[in-house]
C-alpha atoms as a PDB file:
ATOM      1  CA  MET A   1      67.714  12.056  -9.171  1.00  0.00           C
ATOM      2  CA  ALA A   2      64.043  11.986 -10.110  1.00  0.00           C
ATOM      3  CA  LEU A   3      62.576   8.561 -10.819  1.00  0.00           C
ATOM      4  CA  ILE A   4      59.687   7.888 -13.140  1.00  0.00           C
ATOM      5  CA  ALA A   5      58.166   4.410 -12.899  1.00  0.00           C
ATOM      6  CA  GLU A   6      56.289   2.579 -15.623  1.00  0.00           C
ATOM      7  CA  THR A   7      54.591  -0.756 -14.905  1.00  0.00           C
ATOM      8  CA  ARG A   8      54.529  -3.291 -17.722  1.00  0.00           C
ATOM      9  CA  LEU A   9      51.696  -5.653 -16.842  1.00  0.00           C
ATOM     10  CA  HIS A  10      51.821  -7.978 -19.832  1.00  0.00           C
ATOM     11  CA  GLY A  11      52.857  -8.044 -23.459  1.00  0.00           C
ATOM     12  CA  ASP A  12      56.301  -8.508 -24.923  1.00  0.00           C
ATOM     13  CA  LEU A  13      58.131  -6.805 -22.037  1.00  0.00           C
ATOM     14  CA  PRO A  14      56.501  -7.985 -18.776  1.00  0.00           C
ATOM     15  CA  TYR A  15      58.610  -6.106 -16.255  1.00  0.00           C
ATOM     16  CA  ARG A  16      58.623  -2.911 -14.228  1.00  0.00           C
ATOM     17  CA  GLN A  17      60.816  -0.236 -15.740  1.00  0.00           C
ATOM     18  CA  ILE A  18      62.137   2.955 -14.173  1.00  0.00           C
ATOM     19  CA  ALA A  19      63.692   5.830 -16.130  1.00  0.00           C
ATOM     20  CA  VAL A  20      66.169   8.049 -14.269  1.00  0.00           C
ATOM     21  CA  ALA A  21      65.084  11.492 -15.429  1.00  0.00           C
ATOM     22  CA  GLN A  22      68.381  13.364 -15.017  1.00  0.00           C
ATOM     23  CA  GLU A  23      70.419  10.939 -17.121  1.00  0.00           C
ATOM     24  CA  MET A  24      67.669   9.365 -19.219  1.00  0.00           C
ATOM     25  CA  ALA A  25      68.853   5.906 -18.235  1.00  0.00           C
ATOM     26  CA  ARG A  26      66.691   2.841 -17.623  1.00  0.00           C
ATOM     27  CA  LEU A  27      66.715   0.546 -14.608  1.00  0.00           C
ATOM     28  CA  VAL A  28      64.947  -2.786 -15.130  1.00  0.00           C
ATOM     29  CA  ALA A  29      63.482  -5.293 -12.661  1.00  0.00           C
ATOM     30  CA  GLU A  30      61.922  -8.617 -13.644  1.00  0.00           C
ATOM     31  CA  ASP A  31      60.957  -9.676 -10.109  1.00  0.00           C
ATOM     32  CA  ASN A  32      58.434  -7.019  -9.040  1.00  0.00           C
ATOM     33  CA  GLY A  33      61.137  -4.595  -8.013  1.00  0.00           C
ATOM     34  CA  GLU A  34      63.171  -6.874  -5.728  1.00  0.00           C
ATOM     35  CA  THR A  35      66.387  -6.542  -7.749  1.00  0.00           C
ATOM     36  CA  TRP A  36      67.435  -4.084 -10.424  1.00  0.00           C
ATOM     37  CA  GLN A  37      69.862  -3.924 -13.320  1.00  0.00           C
ATOM     38  CA  TYR A  38      70.995  -1.176 -15.658  1.00  0.00           C
ATOM     39  CA  GLY A  39      68.819  -1.124 -18.775  1.00  0.00           C
ATOM     40  CA  GLY A  40      70.566   1.385 -21.037  1.00  0.00           C
ATOM     41  CA  HIS A  41      71.041   5.084 -21.765  1.00  0.00           C
ATOM     42  CA  LEU A  42      67.912   6.239 -23.611  1.00  0.00           C
ATOM     43  CA  PHE A  43      69.014   9.654 -24.961  1.00  0.00           C
ATOM     44  CA  ILE A  44      71.008  12.791 -24.186  1.00  0.00           C
ATOM     45  CA  GLY A  45      70.114  16.454 -24.256  1.00  0.00           C
ATOM     46  CA  ARG A  46      71.805  19.505 -25.695  1.00  0.00           C
ATOM     47  CA  ASN A  47      75.600  19.279 -25.296  1.00  0.00           C
ATOM     48  CA  GLY A  48      75.073  16.476 -22.808  1.00  0.00           C
ATOM     49  CA  TYR A  49      73.025  18.575 -20.366  1.00  0.00           C
ATOM     50  CA  SER A  50      70.081  16.933 -18.601  1.00  0.00           C
ATOM     51  CA  PRO A  51      66.888  17.014 -20.668  1.00  0.00           C
ATOM     52  CA  TYR A  52      63.465  16.946 -19.023  1.00  0.00           C
ATOM     53  CA  THR A  53      61.053  14.099 -19.760  1.00  0.00           C
ATOM     54  CA  LYS A  54      57.596  12.739 -18.925  1.00  0.00           C
ATOM     55  CA  TYR A  55      56.326   9.235 -19.713  1.00  0.00           C
ATOM     56  CA  ILE A  56      53.050   7.368 -20.140  1.00  0.00           C
ATOM     57  CA  THR A  57      52.402   3.694 -20.926  1.00  0.00           C
ATOM     58  CA  ASN A  58      49.424   1.886 -22.420  1.00  0.00           C
ATOM     59  CA  GLY A  59      49.967  -0.812 -19.791  1.00  0.00           C
ATOM     60  CA  ARG A  60      50.801  -3.458 -22.385  1.00  0.00           C
ATOM     61  CA  ASP A  61      53.627  -2.925 -24.807  1.00  0.00           C
ATOM     62  CA  THR A  62      54.298   0.784 -25.443  1.00  0.00           C
ATOM     63  CA  ILE A  63      55.841   3.701 -23.523  1.00  0.00           C
ATOM     64  CA  HIS A  64      55.396   7.219 -24.929  1.00  0.00           C
ATOM     65  CA  PHE A  65      57.572  10.103 -23.774  1.00  0.00           C
ATOM     66  CA  VAL A  66      57.817  13.849 -24.356  1.00  0.00           C
ATOM     67  CA  CYS A  67      61.058  15.740 -23.717  1.00  0.00           C
ATOM     68  CA  THR A  68      63.115  18.920 -24.045  1.00  0.00           C
ATOM     69  CA  GLU A  69      66.773  19.344 -24.973  1.00  0.00           C
ATOM     70  CA  ASP A  70      67.689  21.222 -21.816  1.00  0.00           C
ATOM     71  CA  HIS A  71      66.435  23.277 -18.867  1.00  0.00           C
ATOM     72  CA  PRO A  72      64.578  26.419 -20.056  1.00  0.00           C
ATOM     73  CA  ARG A  73      66.798  28.520 -17.819  1.00  0.00           C
ATOM     74  CA  ASN A  74      69.690  27.623 -20.112  1.00  0.00           C
ATOM     75  CA  TYR A  75      68.194  27.354 -23.571  1.00  0.00           C
ATOM     76  CA  ASN A  76      65.124  28.358 -25.602  1.00  0.00           C
ATOM     77  CA  HIS A  77      64.290  24.739 -26.162  1.00  0.00           C
ATOM     78  CA  SER A  78      61.636  22.916 -28.135  1.00  0.00           C
ATOM     79  CA  LEU A  79      59.395  19.968 -27.270  1.00  0.00           C
ATOM     80  CA  TYR A  80      59.691  16.458 -28.770  1.00  0.00           C
ATOM     81  CA  HIS A  81      57.904  13.093 -28.714  1.00  0.00           C
ATOM     82  CA  ALA A  82      58.822   9.465 -29.378  1.00  0.00           C
ATOM     83  CA  PHE A  83      57.758   6.036 -28.160  1.00  0.00           C
ATOM     84  CA  ILE A  84      59.279   2.677 -27.233  1.00  0.00           C
ATOM     85  CA  ARG A  85      57.822  -0.656 -28.329  1.00  0.00           C
ATOM     86  CA  GLY A  86      59.257  -4.126 -28.767  1.00  0.00           C
ATOM     87  CA  GLY A  87      62.817  -3.064 -27.995  1.00  0.00           C
ATOM     88  CA  LYS A  88      62.842  -0.238 -30.565  1.00  0.00           C
ATOM     89  CA  VAL A  89      62.474   3.566 -30.487  1.00  0.00           C
ATOM     90  CA  TYR A  90      59.962   5.153 -32.873  1.00  0.00           C
ATOM     91  CA  GLU A  91      59.074   8.622 -34.118  1.00  0.00           C
ATOM     92  CA  SER A  92      55.480   9.791 -33.639  1.00  0.00           C
ATOM     93  CA  ASP A  93      54.453   8.474 -37.094  1.00  0.00           C
ATOM     94  CA  GLY A  94      55.770   4.981 -36.370  1.00  0.00           C
ATOM     95  CA  LYS A  95      59.060   5.298 -38.236  1.00  0.00           C
ATOM     96  CA  ILE A  96      61.709   3.163 -36.544  1.00  0.00           C
ATOM     97  CA  MET A  97      64.640   5.231 -35.282  1.00  0.00           C
ATOM     98  CA  GLY A  98      66.664   2.282 -34.062  1.00  0.00           C
ATOM     99  CA  PRO A  99      66.985  -0.312 -31.309  1.00  0.00           C
ATOM    100  CA  LEU A 100      66.447   0.683 -27.705  1.00  0.00           C
ATOM    101  CA  PRO A 101      69.936   1.338 -26.277  1.00  0.00           C
ATOM    102  CA  THR A 102      71.053  -1.217 -23.692  1.00  0.00           C
ATOM    103  CA  SER A 103      74.511   0.157 -22.833  1.00  0.00           C
ATOM    104  CA  THR A 104      75.892   3.446 -21.514  1.00  0.00           C
ATOM    105  CA  GLU A 105      76.115   4.725 -25.098  1.00  0.00           C
ATOM    106  CA  THR A 106      73.165   6.111 -27.059  1.00  0.00           C
ATOM    107  CA  PRO A 107      72.816   7.410 -30.624  1.00  0.00           C
ATOM    108  CA  PHE A 108      69.751   9.517 -29.716  1.00  0.00           C
ATOM    109  CA  ARG A 109      69.489  13.171 -28.832  1.00  0.00           C
ATOM    110  CA  ALA A 110      66.244  14.798 -27.766  1.00  0.00           C
ATOM    111  CA  SER A 111      66.236  16.853 -30.958  1.00  0.00           C
ATOM    112  CA  ASP A 112      66.208  13.633 -33.053  1.00  0.00           C
ATOM    113  CA  PHE A 113      62.629  12.875 -31.998  1.00  0.00           C
ATOM    114  CA  THR A 114      59.413  14.248 -33.538  1.00  0.00           C
ATOM    115  CA  LYS A 115      59.057  17.959 -32.819  1.00  0.00           C
ATOM    116  CA  ILE A 116      55.821  19.109 -31.183  1.00  0.00           C
ATOM    117  CA  HIS A 117      56.729  22.752 -30.562  1.00  0.00           C
ATOM    118  CA  GLN A 118      59.498  24.971 -31.962  1.00  0.00           C
ATOM    119  CA  GLY A 119      61.168  26.932 -29.184  1.00  0.00           C
ATOM    120  CA  THR A 120      62.064  30.634 -29.623  1.00  0.00           C
ATOM    121  CA  PRO A 121      63.125  33.348 -27.141  1.00  0.00           C
ATOM    122  CA  ASN A 122      59.428  34.207 -26.648  1.00  0.00           C
ATOM    123  CA  GLN A 123      58.110  30.633 -26.998  1.00  0.00           C
ATOM    124  CA  VAL A 124      60.175  28.604 -24.519  1.00  0.00           C
ATOM    125  CA  ALA A 125      58.295  25.338 -24.001  1.00  0.00           C
ATOM    126  CA  TRP A 126      58.155  23.013 -20.986  1.00  0.00           C
ATOM    127  CA  MET A 127      56.022  19.882 -20.746  1.00  0.00           C
ATOM    128  CA  THR A 128      53.410  19.575 -18.008  1.00  0.00           C
ATOM    129  CA  ASP A 129      51.594  16.276 -18.631  1.00  0.00           C
ATOM    130  CA  ILE A 130      51.144  13.475 -21.174  1.00  0.00           C
ATOM    131  CA  HIS A 131      48.393  10.848 -21.496  1.00  0.00           C
ATOM    132  CA  LEU A 132      46.878   8.611 -24.157  1.00  0.00           C
ATOM    133  CA  ASP A 133      43.426   9.204 -25.613  1.00  0.00           C
ATOM    134  CA  ALA A 134      40.760   6.560 -26.266  1.00  0.00           C
ATOM    135  CA  ASN A 135      42.614   5.564 -29.465  1.00  0.00           C
ATOM    136  CA  GLU A 136      45.941   5.345 -27.593  1.00  0.00           C
ATOM    137  CA  GLN A 137      47.237   8.459 -29.333  1.00  0.00           C
ATOM    138  CA  PRO A 138      49.390  10.796 -27.172  1.00  0.00           C
ATOM    139  CA  VAL A 139      48.032  14.070 -25.809  1.00  0.00           C
ATOM    140  CA  VAL A 140      50.350  16.667 -24.245  1.00  0.00           C
ATOM    141  CA  LEU A 141      49.755  19.671 -21.985  1.00  0.00           C
ATOM    142  CA  TYR A 142      52.628  22.165 -21.904  1.00  0.00           C
ATOM    143  CA  THR A 143      53.468  25.781 -21.113  1.00  0.00           C
ATOM    144  CA  THR A 144      55.421  28.531 -22.851  1.00  0.00           C
ATOM    145  CA  GLN A 145      57.166  31.587 -21.446  1.00  0.00           C
ATOM    146  CA  ARG A 146      56.285  34.521 -23.685  1.00  0.00           C
ATOM    147  CA  ASP A 147      58.373  37.474 -22.497  1.00  0.00           C
ATOM    148  CA  GLY A 148      61.928  36.232 -22.073  1.00  0.00           C
ATOM    149  CA  ALA A 149      63.550  37.577 -25.244  1.00  0.00           C
ATOM    150  CA  SER A 150      66.599  39.790 -24.529  1.00  0.00           C
ATOM    151  CA  LYS A 151      65.964  39.712 -20.778  1.00  0.00           C
ATOM    152  CA  PRO A 152      68.572  38.609 -18.222  1.00  0.00           C
ATOM    153  CA  LYS A 153      67.843  35.383 -16.382  1.00  0.00           C
ATOM    154  CA  GLY A 154      65.504  35.925 -13.474  1.00  0.00           C
ATOM    155  CA  THR A 155      63.753  38.962 -14.945  1.00  0.00           C
ATOM    156  CA  GLY A 156      61.263  37.308 -17.308  1.00  0.00           C
ATOM    157  CA  GLY A 157      58.413  34.896 -16.778  1.00  0.00           C
ATOM    158  CA  MET A 158      55.655  37.464 -16.346  1.00  0.00           C
ATOM    159  CA  ASP A 159      53.519  35.983 -19.132  1.00  0.00           C
ATOM    160  CA  HIS A 160      52.981  32.226 -19.399  1.00  0.00           C
ATOM    161  CA  ARG A 161      50.486  30.354 -21.579  1.00  0.00           C
ATOM    162  CA  PHE A 162      49.096  26.818 -21.555  1.00  0.00           C
ATOM    163  CA  HIS A 163      49.112  24.748 -24.769  1.00  0.00           C
ATOM    164  CA  TYR A 164      47.394  21.505 -25.748  1.00  0.00           C
ATOM    165  CA  ALA A 165      48.858  19.157 -28.361  1.00  0.00           C
ATOM    166  CA  ARG A 166      47.523  15.894 -29.736  1.00  0.00           C
ATOM    167  CA  TRP A 167      48.716  13.399 -32.337  1.00  0.00           C
ATOM    168  CA  ASP A 168      45.899  12.698 -34.811  1.00  0.00           C
ATOM    169  CA  GLY A 169      47.631   9.711 -36.400  1.00  0.00           C
ATOM    170  CA  LYS A 170      49.418  11.816 -39.025  1.00  0.00           C
ATOM    171  CA  GLN A 171      50.579  15.039 -37.380  1.00  0.00           C
ATOM    172  CA  TRP A 172      50.783  17.003 -34.154  1.00  0.00           C
ATOM    173  CA  LEU A 173      47.972  19.533 -33.748  1.00  0.00           C
ATOM    174  CA  THR A 174      48.783  22.244 -31.203  1.00  0.00           C
ATOM    175  CA  HIS A 175      46.666  25.026 -29.706  1.00  0.00           C
ATOM    176  CA  GLU A 176      47.298  27.778 -27.190  1.00  0.00           C
ATOM    177  CA  ILE A 177      44.421  27.276 -24.760  1.00  0.00           C
ATOM    178  CA  ALA A 178      44.777  29.604 -21.749  1.00  0.00           C
ATOM    179  CA  TYR A 179      46.706  32.331 -19.984  1.00  0.00           C
ATOM    180  CA  ALA A 180      48.726  30.927 -17.085  1.00  0.00           C
ATOM    181  CA  GLY A 181      49.807  34.124 -15.293  1.00  0.00           C
ATOM    182  CA  THR A 182      53.269  34.969 -13.998  1.00  0.00           C
ATOM    183  CA  ARG A 183      56.194  32.840 -12.856  1.00  0.00           C
ATOM    184  CA  LEU A 184      55.695  31.004  -9.576  1.00  0.00           C
ATOM    185  CA  TYR A 185      58.546  32.858  -7.861  1.00  0.00           C
ATOM    186  CA  PRO A 186      61.594  35.013  -8.785  1.00  0.00           C
ATOM    187  CA  LYS A 187      64.796  33.486 -10.226  1.00  0.00           C
ATOM    188  CA  GLU A 188      62.897  30.668 -11.974  1.00  0.00           C
ATOM    189  CA  ASP A 189      61.237  32.400 -14.918  1.00  0.00           C
ATOM    190  CA  ASP A 190      59.708  29.193 -16.304  1.00  0.00           C
ATOM    191  CA  TYR A 191      58.096  27.786 -13.160  1.00  0.00           C
ATOM    192  CA  THR A 192      54.292  27.825 -13.277  1.00  0.00           C
ATOM    193  CA  GLY A 193      51.443  26.336 -11.249  1.00  0.00           C
ATOM    194  CA  LEU A 194      51.395  23.409 -13.747  1.00  0.00           C
ATOM    195  CA  GLY A 195      48.378  21.367 -14.826  1.00  0.00           C
ATOM    196  CA  ALA A 196      47.080  17.882 -15.579  1.00  0.00           C
ATOM    197  CA  ILE A 197      45.248  15.980 -18.305  1.00  0.00           C
ATOM    198  CA  ASP A 198      42.336  13.829 -17.165  1.00  0.00           C
ATOM    199  CA  PRO A 199      43.451  10.262 -18.019  1.00  0.00           C
ATOM    200  CA  GLN A 200      39.812   9.124 -18.142  1.00  0.00           C
ATOM    201  CA  ASN A 201      38.910  11.953 -20.547  1.00  0.00           C
ATOM    202  CA  THR A 202      41.792  13.615 -22.376  1.00  0.00           C
ATOM    203  CA  HIS A 203      39.435  16.360 -23.614  1.00  0.00           C
ATOM    204  CA  ARG A 204      39.522  17.711 -20.040  1.00  0.00           C
ATOM    205  CA  VAL A 205      42.417  19.431 -18.236  1.00  0.00           C
ATOM    206  CA  ILE A 206      42.940  20.977 -14.800  1.00  0.00           C
ATOM    207  CA  ILE A 207      45.307  23.975 -14.675  1.00  0.00           C
ATOM    208  CA  SER A 208      46.770  26.148 -11.916  1.00  0.00           C
ATOM    209  CA  ASN A 209      46.545  29.802 -12.925  1.00  0.00           C
ATOM    210  CA  GLY A 210      47.698  33.127 -11.606  1.00  0.00           C
ATOM    211  CA  ALA A 211      45.467  34.793 -14.197  1.00  0.00           C
ATOM    212  CA  ASP A 212      42.026  34.353 -15.671  1.00  0.00           C
ATOM    213  CA  PRO A 213      42.503  31.633 -18.349  1.00  0.00           C
ATOM    214  CA  VAL A 214      40.479  33.559 -20.946  1.00  0.00           C
ATOM    215  CA  THR A 215      41.273  37.236 -20.332  1.00  0.00           C
ATOM    216  CA  GLY A 216      44.679  37.067 -18.679  1.00  0.00           C
ATOM    217  CA  GLU A 217      43.543  39.390 -15.889  1.00  0.00           C
ATOM    218  CA  PRO A 218      45.561  38.808 -12.687  1.00  0.00           C
ATOM    219  CA  ILE A 219      44.048  36.798  -9.859  1.00  0.00           C
ATOM    220  CA  SER A 220      44.912  38.366  -6.517  1.00  0.00           C
ATOM    221  CA  HIS A 221      44.105  38.489  -2.818  1.00  0.00           C
ATOM    222  CA  GLY A 222      44.876  42.032  -1.728  1.00  0.00           C
ATOM    223  CA  ASP A 223      48.260  42.879  -3.249  1.00  0.00           C
ATOM    224  CA  GLU A 224      49.340  39.245  -3.594  1.00  0.00           C
ATOM    225  CA  ARG A 225      48.969  37.186  -6.758  1.00  0.00           C
ATOM    226  CA  ILE A 226      47.125  33.927  -6.111  1.00  0.00           C
ATOM    227  CA  HIS A 227      46.967  30.724  -8.180  1.00  0.00           C
ATOM    228  CA  GLU A 228      43.532  29.130  -8.514  1.00  0.00           C
ATOM    229  CA  LEU A 229      42.531  25.839 -10.167  1.00  0.00           C
ATOM    230  CA  PHE A 230      40.375  25.785 -13.308  1.00  0.00           C
ATOM    231  CA  LYS A 231      38.757  22.950 -15.233  1.00  0.00           C
ATOM    232  CA  GLY A 232      38.883  23.210 -19.020  1.00  0.00           C
ATOM    233  CA  GLU A 233      36.970  21.116 -21.548  1.00  0.00           C
ATOM    234  CA  THR A 234      37.103  20.973 -25.345  1.00  0.00           C
ATOM    235  CA  LYS A 235      34.701  19.422 -27.850  1.00  0.00           C
ATOM    236  CA  ASP A 236      36.753  20.108 -30.992  1.00  0.00           C
ATOM    237  CA  GLY A 237      40.127  18.532 -30.296  1.00  0.00           C
ATOM    238  CA  GLY A 238      41.600  21.493 -28.465  1.00  0.00           C
ATOM    239  CA  ALA A 239      40.718  24.396 -30.760  1.00  0.00           C
ATOM    240  CA  THR A 240      38.230  25.986 -28.332  1.00  0.00           C
ATOM    241  CA  TRP A 241      37.732  25.562 -24.576  1.00  0.00           C
ATOM    242  CA  SER A 242      35.202  26.245 -21.836  1.00  0.00           C
ATOM    243  CA  TRP A 243      36.554  27.056 -18.370  1.00  0.00           C
ATOM    244  CA  ALA A 244      35.112  26.767 -14.876  1.00  0.00           C
ATOM    245  CA  PRO A 245      36.753  27.443 -11.484  1.00  0.00           C
ATOM    246  CA  ILE A 246      37.500  24.605  -9.073  1.00  0.00           C
ATOM    247  CA  THR A 247      38.882  26.880  -6.338  1.00  0.00           C
ATOM    248  CA  GLN A 248      37.758  30.471  -5.796  1.00  0.00           C
ATOM    249  CA  ALA A 249      38.567  33.447  -3.513  1.00  0.00           C
ATOM    250  CA  SER A 250      41.580  31.605  -2.081  1.00  0.00           C
ATOM    251  CA  THR A 251      43.976  33.317   0.319  1.00  0.00           C
ATOM    252  CA  THR A 252      46.873  31.011  -0.642  1.00  0.00           C
ATOM    253  CA  ASP A 253      48.100  29.287  -3.796  1.00  0.00           C
ATOM    254  CA  ASN A 254      46.628  26.138  -5.356  1.00  0.00           C
ATOM    255  CA  LEU A 255      49.431  24.448  -7.305  1.00  0.00           C
ATOM    256  CA  ARG A 256      50.566  21.405  -9.266  1.00  0.00           C
ATOM    257  CA  PRO A 257      47.299  19.490  -9.740  1.00  0.00           C
ATOM    258  CA  LEU A 258      47.431  15.751 -10.430  1.00  0.00           C
ATOM    259  CA  ILE A 259      44.674  13.432 -11.681  1.00  0.00           C
ATOM    260  CA  PRO A 260      45.302   9.786 -10.708  1.00  0.00           C
ATOM    261  CA  ILE A 261      44.677   6.994 -13.187  1.00  0.00           C
ATOM    262  CA  TRP A 262      41.793   5.398 -11.347  1.00  0.00           C
ATOM    263  CA  SER A 263      39.536   3.201 -13.422  1.00  0.00           C
ATOM    264  CA  GLU A 264      37.172   2.567 -10.487  1.00  0.00           C
ATOM    265  CA  ALA A 265      36.209   6.269 -10.425  1.00  0.00           C
ATOM    266  CA  GLU A 266      33.739   5.872 -13.282  1.00  0.00           C
ATOM    267  CA  GLY A 267      32.015   9.143 -14.023  1.00  0.00           C
ATOM    268  CA  LYS A 268      34.204  11.072 -11.593  1.00  0.00           C
ATOM    269  CA  THR A 269      37.561  12.819 -11.684  1.00  0.00           C
ATOM    270  CA  CYS A 270      39.815  12.909  -8.609  1.00  0.00           C
ATOM    271  CA  VAL A 271      42.012  16.037  -8.405  1.00  0.00           C
ATOM    272  CA  VAL A 272      44.925  16.220  -5.949  1.00  0.00           C
ATOM    273  CA  TRP A 273      47.026  19.373  -5.525  1.00  0.00           C
ATOM    274  CA  MET A 274      49.374  21.393  -3.286  1.00  0.00           C
ATOM    275  CA  ARG A 275      47.698  24.187  -1.331  1.00  0.00           C
ATOM    276  CA  GLY A 276      49.847  26.775   0.429  1.00  0.00           C
ATOM    277  CA  THR A 277      53.030  28.799  -0.112  1.00  0.00           C
ATOM    278  CA  TYR A 278      55.749  27.675  -2.548  1.00  0.00           C
ATOM    279  CA  ARG A 279      58.751  29.995  -2.854  1.00  0.00           C
ATOM    280  CA  ALA A 280      61.605  27.730  -3.961  1.00  0.00           C
ATOM    281  CA  ASN A 281      62.114  24.168  -5.142  1.00  0.00           C
ATOM    282  CA  ARG A 282      64.568  23.223  -2.380  1.00  0.00           C
ATOM    283  CA  GLY A 283      62.402  23.104   0.705  1.00  0.00           C
ATOM    284  CA  GLU A 284      61.109  26.655   0.917  1.00  0.00           C
ATOM    285  CA  TRP A 285      57.427  25.798   0.822  1.00  0.00           C
ATOM    286  CA  THR A 286      54.621  25.285   3.301  1.00  0.00           C
ATOM    287  CA  THR A 287      51.854  23.320   1.651  1.00  0.00           C
ATOM    288  CA  ALA A 288      49.159  20.787   2.414  1.00  0.00           C
ATOM    289  CA  VAL A 289      47.867  18.114   0.043  1.00  0.00           C
ATOM    290  CA  ALA A 290      44.256  18.789  -0.952  1.00  0.00           C
ATOM    291  CA  MET A 291      41.808  16.610  -2.897  1.00  0.00           C
ATOM    292  CA  THR A 292      38.383  16.928  -4.451  1.00  0.00           C
ATOM    293  CA  MET A 293      36.143  14.727  -6.582  1.00  0.00           C
ATOM    294  CA  LEU A 294      34.569  16.254  -9.684  1.00  0.00           C
ATOM    295  CA  GLU A 295      31.374  14.714 -10.994  1.00  0.00           C
END
């Protein structure tokens, strides 16, 4: 099962907390990870199926998370947000939903949280990254599959788009920001090259594209589609974007970029990604880890 770790440095909950992504349970350690105990079942997905979740903390007292109800292979799901603070679960606007569950039972479903994006057969959403802006408001990067309506599983995913969402203190503002290209490989219509929000500057994103982000024209090397990395920046909260290539004329894919939270890198952005061939999520890939520093 995938593990997502959040470090609580100080504040009202000074411990390291890990959320088990498949079951949305919490494991808690109060001794720097030496021993662990069950912390509670956070929420469940659609009909009990595993939802997908990403987390970010402010390092003091709050953990934000964004989630789906299900896997997009199974359901045209939406995207939701909530946060945890002081032993309670809150909607995006600060309304208390209830105490943080501490047992194997939970009253919360993913669909109970604040909706960011309404899923439809041609708007199936999947989160890519979440960070907090300078005002500690959540910002989300996510993708949608746009051509899956009425198609059998494994035959769609030929048109993906990137979206940018931010909470302005009152509401979620969402924008489609770029073409993403086709699915990463057959049988998984919703898999893309993914992307990352710059934690030092949430007005900047790095995305992995199989198409030009502005025109949607395919990127290829000979007859093979290739994913390249692009840097996007916005000056109006996500409504409009400027794009510049990070990788160009590649002969292999550039996938799944990450931007570490690295306060010492003042004025620079470190980008880490997978470079190579990725054909399945169970070991069928040959990739190297690449890194570059952007001024």
